[in-house]
Amino acid sequence: MASALFNFIFFILFLLPFCTLSQNDGTVNVGTSLAATERSTPWLSPSGDFAFGFQKLQDNDQFLLSIWYNKIPAKTIVWYPKDTSPVSRGSTVEIDAQNGLVLLDPQGRRLWRTENIVDNVSHGFMNDTGNFVIARSDSSGIWESFKNPSDTMLPTQIIEINGMLVSRTSETNFSRGRFHLDLLNDGNLVLNTRSVSRNSGFDYEYYSSQTSDLGNASNSGFQVIFNGRGSIQVLRRNGERKALTTERSIPTTSDYYHRATLDFDGVFRQYYHPKSFSGNPGWTAAEYWPENICVSIIGNVGSGACGYNSICRLQNGKPICRCPQGYSLVDPNDANGHCYPKFMPSCGEDDQKGSAEDLYEMLEVSDTDWPTSDFEETSPCSEDCCKNVCLNDCFCAASIYKDNKCWKKKLPLSNGRLDTSVNKNVSLPNGQASVENALEYSQGYSKTQFEGRSTYQEHYDFFQPSLIQINSSKMHLFLSSHDDSTAHLESPQKQNHGDSQTVRPVLPSYTLPV
């Protein structure tokens, strides 16, 4: 009896290593589930390069269902369901025979599932390519993450006609952003912007692969291929390929991890990361499209590379968005978002205080332009004339002067960019009146009025009213601020509270288009 028990225990111990190996071969059986906790063990690919599971997001208690590079410190995410939100602790994902992957909240309510599951599911498989496949009993695929991408392509992945990548909102916000990469019906691979709120109708294309031939469809593209050697190509129907990146321009995939991501700033970049490393080397961008997104987005629809009323400049291949003087971010946590004016000149109420020239001054900023948002043209008009026509118009947010012509701008200002080739001046009229008079009769925007929905009021340094003018050689911003006091935007009129005063500017509400 003792001998039989010993043999049984030995047999179990002998099998344990093989059980462990079977759990790491990438196969995930029907009925297997994962929970959204820090201790949850993800489903690994055979090599361990990729993991599928829940990744805890920074600075909150939310988790994202995702696939990531597992052997690098950053645990870079390369896939997530692009139409879902991060989930609460205790949520689960499971492999279901009828629905494939099913994401449930802690109460068991379904949040997301894989679509178009037409056959019974046998198992899931996490490939070493980074592709998670839901398979039949013969291992043929029913659904795969490569055919349902989020914002990233990986080597061996293909995008077909009408396939797309969608940017996230920010580096840490995985909600749907406004930049898209699309392979169109005509064979062109394009980058364009889209209204997030409408989720329909595209704005202007700001990059095109030029792989469409309306006269001969065989010359048009029909696939975007990220091949196993790291080259991204558009495959034409006649078999020819247009290379976006060549194998000679990038490190080998045998020694480096690769990915191509439509980043939250709208730039499509191909990155590489060493597989063997010390420390934390990070990802290096090998190529990116377009070359300068700040000046690539044109047209009258949408805000441009940055948010409304913002200015874009390129730095090391990345767009940097900044609010002009006198404007602040609507969302302080979104540096690429919209800016709102802290103040606006009043219409008519300043007439008794003096002329516009007495109340405002002008300041210059070079090589800046908002090429759209025109509402009036004056010609002929000198540079001084252009300043004055904007200075004396309370609806003028900016003006451009060039070749004896003047264009006045309206809010919101769009497609703002720093561009040394434009040779233009921008001017903002800025108040010169005393602080006491400014507090008494100036008007401004509160964050509440601008957003049109929140009751939250912020404290801002008080800026006197101002305008902008743009000329053909440099941009001028004209502003001044009250250096030693802060206006509390709270009361419709001045109220005494001991030695302090509070002022609430009164202006029509202003809501940004989205």
Protein backbone atom coordinates (compact mmCIF):
# COMPACT_ATOMS: atom_id res chain seq x y z
CA MET A 1 0.00 0.00 0.00
CA ALA A 2 2.80 2.38 0.95
CA SER A 3 4.64 1.47 -2.24
CA ALA A 4 1.56 2.22 -4.37
CA LEU A 5 1.12 5.62 -2.66
CA PHE A 6 4.79 6.43 -3.24
CA ASN A 7 4.51 5.53 -6.93
CA PHE A 8 1.39 7.72 -7.29
CA ILE A 9 3.08 10.73 -5.68
CA PHE A 10 6.15 10.23 -7.86
CA PHE A 11 3.94 10.08 -10.96
CA ILE A 12 2.20 13.36 -10.01
CA LEU A 13 5.54 15.09 -9.37
CA PHE A 14 6.82 13.78 -12.71
CA LEU A 15 3.85 15.31 -14.55
CA LEU A 16 4.03 18.76 -12.93
CA PRO A 17 6.71 20.21 -15.27
CA PHE A 18 4.72 19.05 -18.31
CA CYS A 19 1.54 20.66 -16.93
CA THR A 20 3.43 23.91 -16.50
CA LEU A 21 4.72 23.70 -20.06
CA SER A 22 1.22 23.10 -21.43
CA GLN A 23 -0.02 26.23 -19.67
CA ASN A 24 2.71 28.31 -21.37
CA ASP A 25 2.23 27.09 -24.95
CA GLY A 26 -0.08 30.00 -25.74
CA THR A 27 -3.30 27.95 -25.71
CA VAL A 28 -6.27 29.19 -23.65
CA ASN A 29 -9.12 26.70 -23.25
CA VAL A 30 -12.83 27.53 -23.31
CA GLY A 31 -14.02 28.42 -19.82
CA THR A 32 -10.69 29.97 -18.79
CA SER A 33 -10.95 33.44 -17.28
CA LEU A 34 -8.81 36.29 -15.94
CA ALA A 35 -9.67 38.84 -13.26
CA ALA A 36 -8.72 42.52 -13.25
CA THR A 37 -6.33 42.56 -10.28
CA GLU A 38 -2.60 43.17 -9.85
CA ARG A 39 -2.07 39.48 -9.00
CA SER A 40 -3.77 38.15 -12.12
CA THR A 41 -1.44 36.10 -14.34
CA PRO A 42 -1.84 37.02 -18.02
CA TRP A 43 -2.04 34.57 -20.90
CA LEU A 44 1.45 34.44 -22.43
CA SER A 45 2.67 33.64 -25.92
CA PRO A 46 4.99 30.60 -26.10
CA SER A 47 8.15 32.76 -26.00
CA GLY A 48 6.71 35.08 -23.36
CA ASP A 49 7.24 38.09 -25.67
CA PHE A 50 3.54 39.00 -25.55
CA ALA A 51 0.90 38.88 -22.84
CA PHE A 52 -2.90 39.12 -22.93
CA GLY A 53 -4.75 40.28 -19.84
CA PHE A 54 -5.49 43.29 -17.69
CA GLN A 55 -2.97 46.08 -17.25
CA LYS A 56 -3.50 48.50 -14.38
CA LEU A 57 -3.51 52.10 -15.56
CA GLN A 58 -1.42 54.78 -13.88
CA ASP A 59 -2.85 57.04 -11.19
CA ASN A 60 -6.22 55.28 -10.88
CA ASP A 61 -7.83 51.98 -9.97
CA GLN A 62 -8.87 51.13 -13.53
CA PHE A 63 -7.67 48.22 -15.66
CA LEU A 64 -7.39 47.90 -19.44
CA LEU A 65 -7.99 44.64 -21.30
CA SER A 66 -5.01 44.56 -23.63
CA ILE A 67 -2.06 42.84 -25.30
CA TRP A 68 1.41 44.12 -24.49
CA TYR A 69 5.12 43.53 -25.00
CA ASN A 70 5.87 41.51 -21.89
CA LYS A 71 9.66 41.39 -21.72
CA ILE A 72 10.40 45.11 -21.66
CA PRO A 73 10.02 47.35 -18.59
CA ALA A 74 7.42 49.62 -20.19
CA LYS A 75 5.02 46.72 -20.92
CA THR A 76 3.99 48.66 -24.04
CA ILE A 77 0.36 48.08 -25.02
CA VAL A 78 -0.14 47.09 -28.67
CA TRP A 79 -3.86 46.15 -28.70
CA TYR A 80 -7.03 46.92 -26.75
CA PRO A 81 -10.75 46.89 -27.68
CA LYS A 82 -11.01 50.36 -29.21
CA ASP A 83 -14.70 50.82 -28.43
CA THR A 84 -14.51 50.01 -24.72
CA SER A 85 -13.38 51.88 -21.63
CA PRO A 86 -11.06 50.81 -18.81
CA VAL A 87 -12.82 48.57 -16.31
CA SER A 88 -13.09 48.42 -12.53
CA ARG A 89 -11.13 46.11 -10.28
CA GLY A 90 -12.73 42.66 -10.18
CA SER A 91 -13.93 42.70 -13.79
CA THR A 92 -13.25 39.50 -15.74
CA VAL A 93 -12.58 38.27 -19.26
CA GLU A 94 -13.30 34.69 -20.28
CA ILE A 95 -13.25 32.44 -23.33
CA ASP A 96 -16.83 31.47 -24.15
CA ALA A 97 -17.81 28.72 -26.62
CA GLN A 98 -20.49 30.86 -28.29
CA ASN A 99 -19.12 34.41 -27.96
CA GLY A 100 -15.33 34.08 -27.90
CA LEU A 101 -13.85 36.71 -25.59
CA VAL A 102 -16.39 38.16 -23.16
CA LEU A 103 -15.60 41.09 -20.84
CA LEU A 104 -17.75 41.34 -17.70
CA ASP A 105 -17.92 43.95 -14.95
CA PRO A 106 -17.71 42.89 -11.25
CA GLN A 107 -21.52 42.41 -11.20
CA GLY A 108 -21.40 40.07 -14.20
CA ARG A 109 -22.80 42.54 -16.74
CA ARG A 110 -21.35 42.18 -20.23
CA LEU A 111 -19.24 45.16 -21.31
CA TRP A 112 -17.79 43.84 -24.57
CA ARG A 113 -17.45 40.69 -26.63
CA THR A 114 -15.79 39.65 -29.85
CA GLU A 115 -18.04 40.13 -32.88
CA ASN A 116 -18.90 37.78 -35.75
CA ILE A 117 -18.32 34.51 -33.91
CA VAL A 118 -20.08 32.19 -36.38
CA ASP A 119 -18.80 28.79 -35.17
CA ASN A 120 -18.28 27.15 -31.81
CA VAL A 121 -15.04 28.22 -30.18
CA SER A 122 -12.54 25.52 -29.28
CA HIS A 123 -9.79 27.62 -27.70
CA GLY A 124 -7.83 30.83 -27.83
CA PHE A 125 -4.16 31.18 -28.74
CA MET A 126 -1.67 33.95 -27.92
CA ASN A 127 0.83 33.93 -30.79
CA ASP A 128 4.45 35.03 -30.63
CA THR A 129 3.57 37.61 -33.29
CA GLY A 130 1.32 39.41 -30.79
CA ASN A 131 -1.84 38.17 -32.51
CA PHE A 132 -4.52 36.69 -30.22
CA VAL A 133 -6.65 34.18 -32.16
CA ILE A 134 -10.00 32.61 -31.27
CA ALA A 135 -9.95 29.23 -33.02
CA ARG A 136 -12.09 26.27 -34.07
CA SER A 137 -11.23 22.71 -33.12
CA ASP A 138 -9.03 22.42 -36.24
CA SER A 139 -7.12 25.56 -35.05
CA SER A 140 -8.41 27.70 -37.93
CA GLY A 141 -9.16 31.24 -36.83
CA ILE A 142 -12.64 32.64 -36.21
CA TRP A 143 -11.51 36.02 -34.84
CA GLU A 144 -8.10 37.62 -34.32
CA SER A 145 -6.76 40.82 -32.82
CA PHE A 146 -4.70 41.50 -35.97
CA LYS A 147 -7.93 41.95 -37.95
CA ASN A 148 -9.43 44.16 -35.25
CA PRO A 149 -6.56 46.55 -34.44
CA SER A 150 -6.65 49.53 -32.13
CA ASP A 151 -3.83 52.04 -32.72
CA THR A 152 -0.89 49.74 -33.50
CA MET A 153 0.41 47.39 -36.21
CA LEU A 154 2.96 44.64 -35.55
CA PRO A 155 5.26 42.71 -37.92
CA THR A 156 3.32 40.13 -40.04
CA GLN A 157 0.09 42.15 -39.61
CA ILE A 158 -1.98 43.19 -42.65
CA ILE A 159 -4.63 45.91 -42.99
CA GLU A 160 -7.21 45.29 -45.72
CA ILE A 161 -9.44 47.76 -47.61
CA ASN A 162 -11.58 49.76 -45.11
CA GLY A 163 -9.31 48.66 -42.27
CA MET A 164 -8.19 51.37 -39.88
CA LEU A 165 -6.21 52.38 -36.83
CA VAL A 166 -7.66 54.92 -34.39
CA SER A 167 -5.51 57.00 -32.04
CA ARG A 168 -6.14 57.17 -28.33
CA THR A 169 -7.03 60.50 -26.69
CA SER A 170 -3.71 60.87 -24.85
CA GLU A 171 -0.73 58.81 -23.77
CA THR A 172 -2.67 57.46 -20.78
CA ASN A 173 -6.27 57.92 -21.95
CA PHE A 174 -7.31 54.99 -24.13
CA SER A 175 -10.67 56.38 -25.23
CA ARG A 176 -11.14 56.93 -28.96
CA GLY A 177 -9.11 59.86 -30.29
CA ARG A 178 -9.72 62.02 -33.36
CA PHE A 179 -6.94 60.76 -35.66
CA HIS A 180 -7.47 57.86 -38.08
CA LEU A 181 -5.34 55.79 -40.42
CA ASP A 182 -7.52 54.29 -43.19
CA LEU A 183 -6.96 52.15 -46.26
CA LEU A 184 -9.65 53.59 -48.53
CA ASN A 185 -11.64 51.84 -51.25
CA ASP A 186 -9.60 53.66 -53.89
CA GLY A 187 -6.37 52.09 -52.57
CA ASN A 188 -4.94 55.13 -50.81
CA LEU A 189 -3.57 54.81 -47.30
CA VAL A 190 -4.50 58.09 -45.61
CA LEU A 191 -4.29 59.87 -42.29
CA ASN A 192 -7.21 62.12 -41.40
CA THR A 193 -9.06 63.66 -38.50
CA ARG A 194 -12.57 62.93 -37.36
CA SER A 195 -14.97 64.56 -34.93
CA VAL A 196 -14.99 62.44 -31.77
CA SER A 197 -18.48 63.54 -30.75
CA ARG A 198 -20.02 62.83 -34.18
CA ASN A 199 -17.96 59.68 -34.81
CA SER A 200 -18.96 60.10 -38.44
CA GLY A 201 -17.69 62.11 -41.35
CA PHE A 202 -14.01 62.77 -41.80
CA ASP A 203 -12.26 66.10 -41.96
CA TYR A 204 -9.29 66.67 -44.26
CA GLU A 205 -6.62 64.10 -45.15
CA TYR A 206 -3.19 65.20 -43.96
CA TYR A 207 -1.20 62.29 -45.44
CA SER A 208 -1.73 60.05 -48.49
CA SER A 209 0.35 57.15 -49.79
CA GLN A 210 -0.60 58.13 -53.38
CA THR A 211 -1.43 54.51 -54.25
CA SER A 212 -4.76 55.12 -56.01
CA ASP A 213 -5.21 54.87 -59.78
CA LEU A 214 -8.79 55.55 -60.85
CA GLY A 215 -7.90 54.85 -64.48
CA ASN A 216 -6.41 51.41 -63.79
CA ALA A 217 -7.57 49.67 -60.61
CA SER A 218 -4.75 47.10 -60.83
CA ASN A 219 -2.32 49.89 -59.96
CA SER A 220 -4.23 50.72 -56.76
CA GLY A 221 -3.36 49.49 -53.31
CA PHE A 222 -5.44 46.89 -51.50
CA GLN A 223 -3.33 45.87 -48.49
CA VAL A 224 -0.97 47.52 -46.02
CA ILE A 225 1.64 44.95 -45.01
CA PHE A 226 4.00 45.16 -42.05
CA ASN A 227 6.24 42.29 -43.07
CA GLY A 228 8.24 40.02 -40.80
CA ARG A 229 11.46 41.89 -41.61
CA GLY A 230 10.09 45.20 -40.37
CA SER A 231 9.20 46.92 -43.64
CA ILE A 232 5.81 48.66 -44.05
CA GLN A 233 4.47 48.51 -47.61
CA VAL A 234 1.30 49.18 -49.59
CA LEU A 235 0.64 46.19 -51.86
CA ARG A 236 -0.94 47.07 -55.21
CA ARG A 237 -3.36 44.69 -56.96
CA ASN A 238 -0.80 44.09 -59.71
CA GLY A 239 1.68 42.75 -57.15
CA GLU A 240 3.88 45.83 -57.01
CA ARG A 241 4.73 47.30 -53.62
CA LYS A 242 5.22 50.84 -52.45
CA ALA A 243 7.53 50.82 -49.45
CA LEU A 244 6.90 53.31 -46.67
CA THR A 245 9.93 51.96 -44.81
CA THR A 246 12.70 49.77 -46.21
CA GLU A 247 14.53 46.99 -44.44
CA ARG A 248 17.81 48.86 -44.90
CA SER A 249 16.56 51.86 -42.89
CA ILE A 250 15.58 49.93 -39.75
CA PRO A 251 17.19 47.39 -37.39
CA THR A 252 16.44 43.69 -37.84
CA THR A 253 13.39 42.08 -36.25
CA SER A 254 15.60 39.26 -34.96
CA ASP A 255 17.35 41.65 -32.56
CA TYR A 256 14.67 44.30 -32.07
CA TYR A 257 10.98 44.47 -31.29
CA HIS A 258 9.00 46.57 -33.75
CA ARG A 259 5.65 48.34 -33.79
CA ALA A 260 3.94 51.04 -35.87
CA THR A 261 1.54 53.21 -33.87
CA LEU A 262 -0.84 56.01 -34.74
CA ASP A 263 0.06 58.09 -31.72
CA PHE A 264 -2.37 60.32 -29.84
CA ASP A 265 -0.77 63.39 -31.49
CA GLY A 266 -1.84 62.19 -34.96
CA VAL A 267 1.60 61.08 -36.18
CA PHE A 268 2.02 57.51 -37.49
CA ARG A 269 5.41 56.28 -36.26
CA GLN A 270 7.41 53.08 -36.66
CA TYR A 271 9.39 52.23 -33.53
CA TYR A 272 12.02 49.67 -32.55
CA HIS A 273 13.28 48.45 -29.15
CA PRO A 274 16.27 46.15 -28.45
CA LYS A 275 15.40 42.65 -27.28
CA SER A 276 18.60 42.45 -25.24
CA PHE A 277 19.29 45.48 -23.11
CA SER A 278 20.45 46.83 -19.79
CA GLY A 279 18.54 49.54 -17.99
CA ASN A 280 15.48 50.96 -19.75
CA PRO A 281 16.43 52.00 -23.31
CA GLY A 282 12.88 52.84 -24.47
CA TRP A 283 11.50 52.91 -28.00
CA THR A 284 13.21 54.73 -30.90
CA ALA A 285 11.22 56.16 -33.81
CA ALA A 286 12.70 54.99 -37.13
CA GLU A 287 10.20 56.73 -39.43
CA TYR A 288 7.11 58.89 -39.06
CA TRP A 289 4.32 60.31 -41.22
CA PRO A 290 3.65 63.16 -41.96
CA GLU A 291 6.96 64.98 -41.71
CA ASN A 292 5.37 68.03 -40.05
CA ILE A 293 1.80 67.53 -38.87
CA CYS A 294 1.58 71.16 -37.70
CA VAL A 295 1.46 72.41 -41.29
CA SER A 296 0.01 69.29 -42.93
CA ILE A 297 -3.57 69.68 -41.71
CA ILE A 298 -5.41 72.32 -43.73
CA GLY A 299 -9.02 73.22 -44.43
CA ASN A 300 -11.91 74.92 -42.68
CA VAL A 301 -13.20 71.91 -40.71
CA GLY A 302 -11.69 70.80 -37.41
CA SER A 303 -9.16 72.35 -35.06
CA GLY A 304 -5.95 71.18 -36.75
CA ALA A 305 -3.12 69.22 -35.15
CA CYS A 306 -3.81 70.84 -31.78
CA GLY A 307 -7.04 71.99 -30.17
CA TYR A 308 -8.97 75.14 -31.00
CA ASN A 309 -7.20 78.44 -30.19
CA SER A 310 -3.89 76.59 -29.79
CA ILE A 311 -0.54 76.94 -31.59
CA CYS A 312 1.40 73.91 -32.89
CA ARG A 313 5.16 73.77 -33.34
CA LEU A 314 7.33 70.80 -34.31
CA GLN A 315 10.06 69.67 -31.92
CA ASN A 316 12.12 66.54 -32.64
CA GLY A 317 9.38 65.27 -34.93
CA LYS A 318 6.64 65.75 -32.34
CA PRO A 319 3.92 68.42 -32.36
CA ILE A 320 4.04 70.59 -29.24
CA CYS A 321 0.79 72.44 -28.54
CA ARG A 322 0.67 75.68 -26.55
CA CYS A 323 -2.03 78.19 -25.74
CA PRO A 324 -1.23 81.77 -26.79
CA GLN A 325 -0.81 84.36 -24.08
CA GLY A 326 -4.19 85.14 -22.52
CA TYR A 327 -5.60 81.65 -23.19
CA SER A 328 -5.66 78.55 -20.98
CA LEU A 329 -6.28 74.86 -21.54
CA VAL A 330 -9.88 73.75 -21.14
CA ASP A 331 -8.51 70.51 -19.64
CA PRO A 332 -5.20 71.14 -17.84
CA ASN A 333 -4.39 67.42 -18.20
CA ASP A 334 -4.69 67.50 -22.00
CA ALA A 335 -1.77 69.53 -23.36
CA ASN A 336 -2.93 68.92 -26.95
CA GLY A 337 -6.50 70.01 -26.26
CA HIS A 338 -8.53 73.17 -26.73
CA CYS A 339 -7.63 76.58 -25.27
CA TYR A 340 -10.20 79.12 -24.09
CA PRO A 341 -9.78 82.90 -23.80
CA LYS A 342 -9.48 84.17 -20.25
CA PHE A 343 -11.03 87.46 -21.33
CA MET A 344 -12.57 89.23 -24.29
CA PRO A 345 -12.94 92.91 -25.13
CA SER A 346 -16.41 94.24 -24.41
CA CYS A 347 -18.65 95.65 -27.14
CA GLY A 348 -19.66 99.26 -26.49
CA GLU A 349 -19.07 99.35 -22.74
CA ASP A 350 -15.52 100.66 -23.11
CA ASP A 351 -16.51 103.61 -25.34
CA GLN A 352 -16.96 105.94 -22.37
CA LYS A 353 -13.58 104.93 -20.95
CA GLY A 354 -11.57 106.06 -23.96
CA SER A 355 -10.62 105.06 -27.49
CA ALA A 356 -9.44 101.57 -28.36
CA GLU A 357 -5.95 102.97 -28.92
CA ASP A 358 -5.98 104.38 -25.36
CA LEU A 359 -7.23 101.12 -23.82
CA TYR A 360 -5.20 98.55 -25.76
CA GLU A 361 -1.67 97.95 -27.01
CA MET A 362 -0.08 95.41 -29.38
CA LEU A 363 2.59 92.74 -28.88
CA GLU A 364 4.45 90.66 -31.49
CA VAL A 365 5.15 86.93 -31.88
CA SER A 366 7.07 85.74 -34.93
CA ASP A 367 6.26 83.17 -37.62
CA THR A 368 2.84 82.17 -36.34
CA ASP A 369 -0.34 81.71 -38.30
CA TRP A 370 -3.98 80.67 -38.00
CA PRO A 371 -4.68 80.26 -41.75
CA THR A 372 -8.44 79.74 -41.36
CA SER A 373 -11.23 81.39 -39.32
CA ASP A 374 -11.41 84.54 -41.51
CA PHE A 375 -14.58 86.60 -41.22
CA GLU A 376 -13.69 89.87 -43.00
CA GLU A 377 -11.14 91.16 -45.50
CA THR A 378 -10.01 94.78 -45.83
CA SER A 379 -8.09 95.97 -48.89
CA PRO A 380 -6.13 98.11 -49.44
CA CYS A 381 -4.92 98.22 -45.86
CA SER A 382 -1.49 98.98 -44.40
CA GLU A 383 0.01 97.14 -41.45
CA ASP A 384 -1.08 99.92 -39.06
CA CYS A 385 -4.52 99.89 -40.67
CA CYS A 386 -4.76 96.13 -40.10
CA LYS A 387 -3.95 96.57 -36.42
CA ASN A 388 -6.52 99.32 -36.04
CA VAL A 389 -9.41 97.55 -37.80
CA CYS A 390 -8.99 94.60 -35.45
CA LEU A 391 -8.36 96.82 -32.45
CA ASN A 392 -11.67 98.61 -33.00
CA ASP A 393 -13.73 95.44 -33.61
CA CYS A 394 -14.77 93.67 -30.41
CA PHE A 395 -15.48 90.49 -32.43
CA CYS A 396 -11.96 90.35 -33.86
CA ALA A 397 -9.85 87.68 -32.17
CA ALA A 398 -6.91 87.99 -34.59
CA SER A 399 -5.87 89.64 -37.84
CA ILE A 400 -3.40 88.82 -40.61
CA TYR A 401 -1.59 91.38 -42.75
CA LYS A 402 0.06 90.55 -46.05
CA ASP A 403 0.54 92.36 -49.38
CA ASN A 404 -1.54 95.39 -48.37
CA LYS A 405 -4.46 93.18 -47.34
CA CYS A 406 -5.90 92.47 -43.90
CA TRP A 407 -7.94 89.45 -42.79
CA LYS A 408 -9.80 89.53 -39.48
CA LYS A 409 -10.21 86.25 -37.54
CA LYS A 410 -13.06 84.95 -35.42
CA LEU A 411 -13.16 82.47 -32.54
CA PRO A 412 -12.45 79.65 -32.33
CA LEU A 413 -9.08 79.98 -34.02
CA SER A 414 -8.12 76.77 -35.83
CA ASN A 415 -5.03 75.22 -37.42
CA GLY A 416 -2.66 77.39 -35.40
CA ARG A 417 0.97 76.71 -36.22
CA LEU A 418 4.50 78.03 -35.82
CA ASP A 419 5.91 78.08 -39.33
CA THR A 420 8.99 80.05 -40.38
CA SER A 421 7.94 79.86 -44.03
CA VAL A 422 4.66 81.78 -43.66
CA ASN A 423 6.24 85.22 -43.04
CA LYS A 424 3.24 86.53 -41.13
CA ASN A 425 2.51 88.67 -38.08
CA VAL A 426 -0.17 87.99 -35.47
CA SER A 427 -1.37 90.67 -33.05
CA LEU A 428 -3.59 90.56 -29.98
CA PRO A 429 -4.90 93.93 -28.69
CA ASN A 430 -4.07 94.09 -25.01
CA GLY A 431 -5.40 96.44 -22.35
CA GLN A 432 -3.34 99.37 -21.03
CA ALA A 433 -5.91 100.70 -18.56
CA SER A 434 -5.21 100.78 -14.85
CA VAL A 435 -5.88 97.71 -12.73
CA GLU A 436 -8.72 99.51 -10.94
CA ASN A 437 -10.46 100.44 -14.18
CA ALA A 438 -9.85 96.99 -15.61
CA LEU A 439 -11.48 95.36 -12.59
CA GLU A 440 -14.38 97.79 -12.89
CA TYR A 441 -15.27 97.54 -16.55
CA SER A 442 -13.36 94.72 -18.26
CA GLN A 443 -15.06 91.51 -19.26
CA GLY A 444 -13.72 87.97 -19.55
CA TYR A 445 -14.61 84.34 -19.94
CA SER A 446 -14.90 81.98 -17.03
CA LYS A 447 -14.29 78.29 -17.51
CA THR A 448 -17.95 77.72 -16.74
CA GLN A 449 -19.12 80.00 -19.56
CA PHE A 450 -16.64 78.56 -22.02
CA GLU A 451 -17.48 74.90 -21.47
CA GLY A 452 -21.18 75.66 -21.25
CA ARG A 453 -21.88 72.76 -18.90
CA SER A 454 -19.83 72.85 -15.70
CA THR A 455 -20.58 74.98 -12.65
CA TYR A 456 -16.93 74.91 -11.69
CA GLN A 457 -15.20 78.29 -11.46
CA GLU A 458 -11.44 78.71 -11.39
CA HIS A 459 -9.19 81.44 -10.05
CA TYR A 460 -7.14 83.09 -12.79
CA ASP A 461 -4.61 85.86 -12.91
CA PHE A 462 -6.58 88.78 -14.30
CA PHE A 463 -5.72 89.73 -17.86
CA GLN A 464 -6.99 92.88 -19.47
CA PRO A 465 -8.86 92.57 -22.79
CA SER A 466 -6.80 91.90 -25.87
CA LEU A 467 -6.82 91.12 -29.61
CA ILE A 468 -4.43 89.61 -32.15
CA GLN A 469 -2.97 90.83 -35.39
CA ILE A 470 -1.04 88.77 -37.94
CA ASN A 471 1.31 90.37 -40.49
CA SER A 472 3.49 88.98 -43.29
CA SER A 473 6.77 88.87 -41.37
CA LYS A 474 6.07 88.04 -37.73
CA MET A 475 3.33 87.42 -35.24
CA HIS A 476 2.49 89.90 -32.50
CA LEU A 477 0.62 89.07 -29.30
CA PHE A 478 -0.49 92.01 -27.17
CA LEU A 479 -1.31 91.25 -23.58
CA SER A 480 -0.68 92.47 -20.09
CA SER A 481 -1.50 90.90 -16.79
CA HIS A 482 -2.16 92.09 -13.28
CA ASP A 483 0.94 90.88 -11.49
CA ASP A 484 0.02 91.15 -7.82
CA SER A 485 -3.62 90.20 -7.47
CA THR A 486 -6.03 87.51 -8.64
CA ALA A 487 -9.61 88.13 -9.66
CA HIS A 488 -12.12 85.64 -8.33
CA LEU A 489 -14.62 85.05 -11.14
CA GLU A 490 -17.69 84.62 -9.04
CA SER A 491 -20.02 87.61 -8.68
CA PRO A 492 -21.94 89.49 -11.45
CA GLN A 493 -20.78 92.78 -10.02
CA LYS A 494 -18.11 94.05 -7.67
CA GLN A 495 -18.79 93.11 -4.03
CA ASN A 496 -16.89 94.16 -0.93
CA HIS A 497 -15.72 91.43 1.43
CA GLY A 498 -13.55 93.21 3.96
CA ASP A 499 -10.56 94.51 2.08
CA SER A 500 -10.99 92.23 -0.95
CA GLN A 501 -13.11 92.51 -4.07
CA THR A 502 -14.48 89.80 -6.33
CA VAL A 503 -15.42 90.30 -9.95
CA ARG A 504 -17.28 88.03 -12.35
CA PRO A 505 -16.96 88.95 -16.01
CA VAL A 506 -20.29 88.87 -17.82
CA LEU A 507 -20.13 87.52 -21.39
CA PRO A 508 -22.26 85.32 -23.61
CA SER A 509 -21.53 81.61 -23.13
CA TYR A 510 -19.05 80.15 -25.60
CA THR A 511 -18.78 76.42 -26.32
CA LEU A 512 -16.05 74.91 -28.47
CA PRO A 513 -17.06 72.80 -31.44
CA VAL A 514 -15.96 69.17 -31.05
